[in-house]
Amino acid sequence: MGTLVEGAVSEALRDGHDEVVRLYVAACAERMAALFVSLRAGVPGREADLGLCAESVRELWHADRPLAGVAERVRLLERFPELQPNEEGITDVADTYALFAALCLRYAMLAHSSGNADTALSCGHAALTAMGMLDQNVPGARFLAEEPRLQSLSMCGDPSGLWDASPSAPSAEQGGGARGSRRAAQATGRAARVG
């Protein structure tokens, strides 16, 4: 299967150790989790899903050890409505971005526990695909151009690069990146205009 992930990142994941894979998927999952949370916050009955997402992303940052309870976490995640078969397909904008965020988290958890580079690449591919779609739907957006750089930063071991790419980082006005939050705001705005 081809992937959108840059060759250097792909090579580093395949040649690296488990900790490289874990940092990479944690960073991808955190950026995408901001989308999921912003799109599903306030939706009745999704509180446990939001909790699982937040807790799992927090645990993914423990790169020194495999994710605990991954089979149960994945089982619960696979019950999310976004990951259920749907004969009509997904046509709603918010549902599409939430699907990619859930897929990214699923791949992140599996890669984190196994150290498998191909699964990590699937995680990065899901993030890149979502950013490409966001660029197509939001005039002037450049998230797809930014995502490969952020994925590369997650490989370098420089915590400042990871922090800059985090939804938890302060806004640009406060001296930080907050890219995940900006993505979430754009996707939420796009969903509101279409919905």
Protein backbone atom coordinates (compact mmCIF):
# COMPACT_ATOMS: atom_id res chain seq x y z
CA MET A 1 0.00 0.00 0.00
CA GLY A 2 1.28 3.45 -0.90
CA THR A 3 1.37 6.14 1.72
CA LEU A 4 1.47 9.91 1.84
CA VAL A 5 4.14 9.81 4.55
CA GLU A 6 7.48 11.23 3.38
CA GLY A 7 10.18 8.73 2.49
CA ALA A 8 12.62 9.95 5.15
CA VAL A 9 10.00 9.56 7.87
CA SER A 10 9.05 6.13 6.58
CA GLU A 11 12.67 5.06 6.53
CA ALA A 12 13.31 6.41 10.04
CA LEU A 13 10.29 4.51 11.36
CA ARG A 14 11.48 1.26 9.77
CA ASP A 15 15.08 1.72 10.89
CA GLY A 16 14.31 3.15 14.32
CA HIS A 17 13.52 1.52 17.59
CA ASP A 18 10.14 1.22 19.29
CA GLU A 19 10.50 4.59 21.02
CA VAL A 20 10.75 6.38 17.65
CA VAL A 21 7.52 4.71 16.54
CA ARG A 22 5.83 5.61 19.83
CA LEU A 23 6.77 9.29 19.70
CA TYR A 24 5.67 9.53 16.09
CA VAL A 25 2.23 8.03 16.66
CA ALA A 26 1.71 9.97 19.90
CA ALA A 27 2.32 13.25 18.06
CA CYS A 28 0.04 12.32 15.15
CA ALA A 29 -2.71 11.11 17.47
CA GLU A 30 -2.58 14.21 19.63
CA ARG A 31 -3.00 16.55 16.67
CA MET A 32 -5.90 14.49 15.32
CA ALA A 33 -7.49 14.08 18.77
CA ALA A 34 -8.07 17.83 18.82
CA LEU A 35 -10.28 17.37 15.74
CA PHE A 36 -12.21 14.51 17.28
CA VAL A 37 -12.80 16.27 20.59
CA SER A 38 -13.87 19.53 18.96
CA LEU A 39 -16.28 17.74 16.63
CA ARG A 40 -17.78 15.41 19.24
CA ALA A 41 -17.79 17.55 22.39
CA GLY A 42 -21.34 18.20 23.47
CA VAL A 43 -22.78 15.33 21.42
CA PRO A 44 -25.08 13.36 23.73
CA GLY A 45 -23.79 9.92 24.64
CA ARG A 46 -20.20 10.55 23.52
CA GLU A 47 -18.70 11.42 26.92
CA ALA A 48 -17.07 7.99 27.35
CA ASP A 49 -15.68 8.16 23.80
CA LEU A 50 -14.15 11.56 24.49
CA GLY A 51 -12.69 10.24 27.74
CA LEU A 52 -11.16 7.21 25.99
CA CYS A 53 -9.67 9.47 23.33
CA ALA A 54 -8.14 11.89 25.84
CA GLU A 55 -6.85 9.17 28.15
CA SER A 56 -5.37 7.16 25.29
CA VAL A 57 -3.55 10.15 23.82
CA ARG A 58 -2.16 11.01 27.25
CA GLU A 59 -0.92 7.42 27.67
CA LEU A 60 0.61 7.33 24.19
CA TRP A 61 3.21 9.86 25.33
CA HIS A 62 4.80 7.20 27.57
CA ALA A 63 7.24 6.26 24.83
CA ASP A 64 9.44 4.18 27.11
CA ARG A 65 6.93 1.33 27.30
CA PRO A 66 4.11 -0.22 25.26
CA LEU A 67 0.61 1.07 25.82
CA ALA A 68 -1.14 -0.88 28.58
CA GLY A 69 -4.50 -2.48 27.88
CA VAL A 70 -4.28 -1.82 24.16
CA ALA A 71 -6.61 -4.67 23.17
CA GLU A 72 -9.40 -3.31 25.39
CA ARG A 73 -8.80 0.28 24.26
CA VAL A 74 -8.94 -0.74 20.60
CA ARG A 75 -12.07 -2.83 21.23
CA LEU A 76 -13.78 0.21 22.79
CA LEU A 77 -12.57 2.52 20.02
CA GLU A 78 -13.86 0.15 17.35
CA ARG A 79 -17.34 0.58 18.85
CA PHE A 80 -17.27 4.31 18.00
CA PRO A 81 -20.02 5.13 15.48
CA GLU A 82 -17.36 6.53 13.11
CA LEU A 83 -15.80 3.08 12.78
CA GLN A 84 -19.02 1.16 12.25
CA PRO A 85 -19.96 -0.11 8.77
CA ASN A 86 -22.42 2.19 7.05
CA GLU A 87 -24.09 1.19 3.79
CA GLU A 88 -24.66 4.82 2.87
CA GLY A 89 -21.07 5.82 3.56
CA ILE A 90 -20.00 8.93 5.38
CA THR A 91 -21.16 12.14 3.76
CA ASP A 92 -21.24 14.55 6.70
CA VAL A 93 -18.16 16.78 6.97
CA ALA A 94 -17.85 16.42 10.75
CA ASP A 95 -18.26 12.64 10.50
CA THR A 96 -15.50 12.44 7.88
CA TYR A 97 -12.93 14.28 10.00
CA ALA A 98 -14.00 12.38 13.12
CA LEU A 99 -13.52 9.12 11.19
CA PHE A 100 -9.94 10.02 10.26
CA ALA A 101 -9.22 11.08 13.83
CA ALA A 102 -10.57 7.76 15.16
CA LEU A 103 -8.56 5.81 12.56
CA CYS A 104 -5.45 7.72 13.48
CA LEU A 105 -5.95 6.92 17.17
CA ARG A 106 -6.60 3.25 16.39
CA TYR A 107 -3.41 2.94 14.36
CA ALA A 108 -1.49 4.91 16.99
CA MET A 109 -2.53 2.56 19.78
CA LEU A 110 -1.70 -0.53 17.74
CA ALA A 111 1.67 0.83 16.61
CA HIS A 112 2.54 2.02 20.10
CA SER A 113 2.01 -1.42 21.57
CA SER A 114 3.72 -3.34 18.78
CA GLY A 115 6.41 -0.96 17.53
CA ASN A 116 5.27 -1.86 14.01
CA ALA A 117 6.45 0.75 11.48
CA ASP A 118 3.79 -0.11 8.89
CA THR A 119 1.02 0.49 11.41
CA ALA A 120 2.67 3.77 12.38
CA LEU A 121 2.73 4.74 8.71
CA SER A 122 -1.01 4.06 8.52
CA CYS A 123 -1.44 6.43 11.46
CA GLY A 124 0.51 9.16 9.67
CA HIS A 125 -1.30 8.47 6.40
CA ALA A 126 -4.69 8.95 8.09
CA ALA A 127 -3.53 12.31 9.48
CA LEU A 128 -2.19 13.43 6.10
CA THR A 129 -5.36 12.37 4.30
CA ALA A 130 -7.52 14.35 6.73
CA MET A 131 -5.30 17.41 6.32
CA GLY A 132 -5.52 17.14 2.53
CA MET A 133 -9.29 17.05 2.74
CA LEU A 134 -9.30 20.00 5.13
CA ASP A 135 -7.15 21.98 2.68
CA GLN A 136 -9.63 21.23 -0.11
CA ASN A 137 -12.56 22.38 2.00
CA VAL A 138 -11.15 25.49 3.69
CA PRO A 139 -10.02 28.32 1.42
CA GLY A 140 -6.39 29.25 2.02
CA ALA A 141 -5.69 26.35 4.39
CA ARG A 142 -2.21 24.79 4.23
CA PHE A 143 -2.48 21.98 6.73
CA LEU A 144 -1.35 19.29 4.29
CA ALA A 145 1.86 21.22 3.60
CA GLU A 146 2.45 21.59 7.34
CA GLU A 147 1.73 18.00 8.45
CA PRO A 148 4.82 16.34 6.90
CA ARG A 149 7.06 18.86 8.67
CA LEU A 150 5.31 18.17 11.96
CA GLN A 151 5.64 14.43 11.40
CA SER A 152 9.37 14.89 10.76
CA LEU A 153 9.70 16.96 13.94
CA SER A 154 8.17 14.13 15.94
CA MET A 155 11.03 11.90 14.77
CA CYS A 156 13.89 14.17 15.75
CA GLY A 157 13.58 13.79 19.50
CA ASP A 158 13.42 17.57 20.00
CA PRO A 159 10.61 18.18 22.49
CA SER A 160 10.24 21.81 21.39
CA GLY A 161 9.18 20.67 17.95
CA LEU A 162 6.62 18.32 19.42
CA TRP A 163 5.33 21.06 21.71
CA ASP A 164 4.98 23.47 18.79
CA ALA A 165 2.83 20.90 16.98
CA SER A 166 0.65 20.17 20.00
CA PRO A 167 -2.95 21.32 20.45
CA SER A 168 -1.94 22.04 24.04
CA ALA A 169 0.65 24.63 22.99
CA PRO A 170 -0.11 28.31 23.47
CA SER A 171 -1.54 30.19 20.50
CA ALA A 172 0.75 31.96 18.02
CA GLU A 173 -0.03 35.22 19.79
CA GLN A 174 1.26 33.64 23.00
CA GLY A 175 4.44 32.41 21.34
CA GLY A 176 3.38 28.86 20.49
CA GLY A 177 1.90 26.91 17.62
CA ALA A 178 -1.47 25.47 18.65
CA ARG A 179 -1.72 23.87 15.21
CA GLY A 180 -3.99 21.10 16.40
CA SER A 181 -6.42 23.63 17.85
CA ARG A 182 -6.34 25.71 14.65
CA ARG A 183 -7.09 22.60 12.61
CA ALA A 184 -9.96 21.75 14.92
CA ALA A 185 -11.39 25.26 14.62
CA GLN A 186 -11.18 25.10 10.81
CA ALA A 187 -12.82 21.66 10.63
CA THR A 188 -15.54 22.67 13.10
CA GLY A 189 -16.20 25.84 11.13
CA ARG A 190 -16.37 23.88 7.86
CA ALA A 191 -18.79 21.38 9.41
CA ALA A 192 -21.01 24.20 10.67
CA ARG A 193 -21.13 25.86 7.23
CA VAL A 194 -22.05 22.61 5.47
CA GLY A 195 -24.27 21.14 8.21
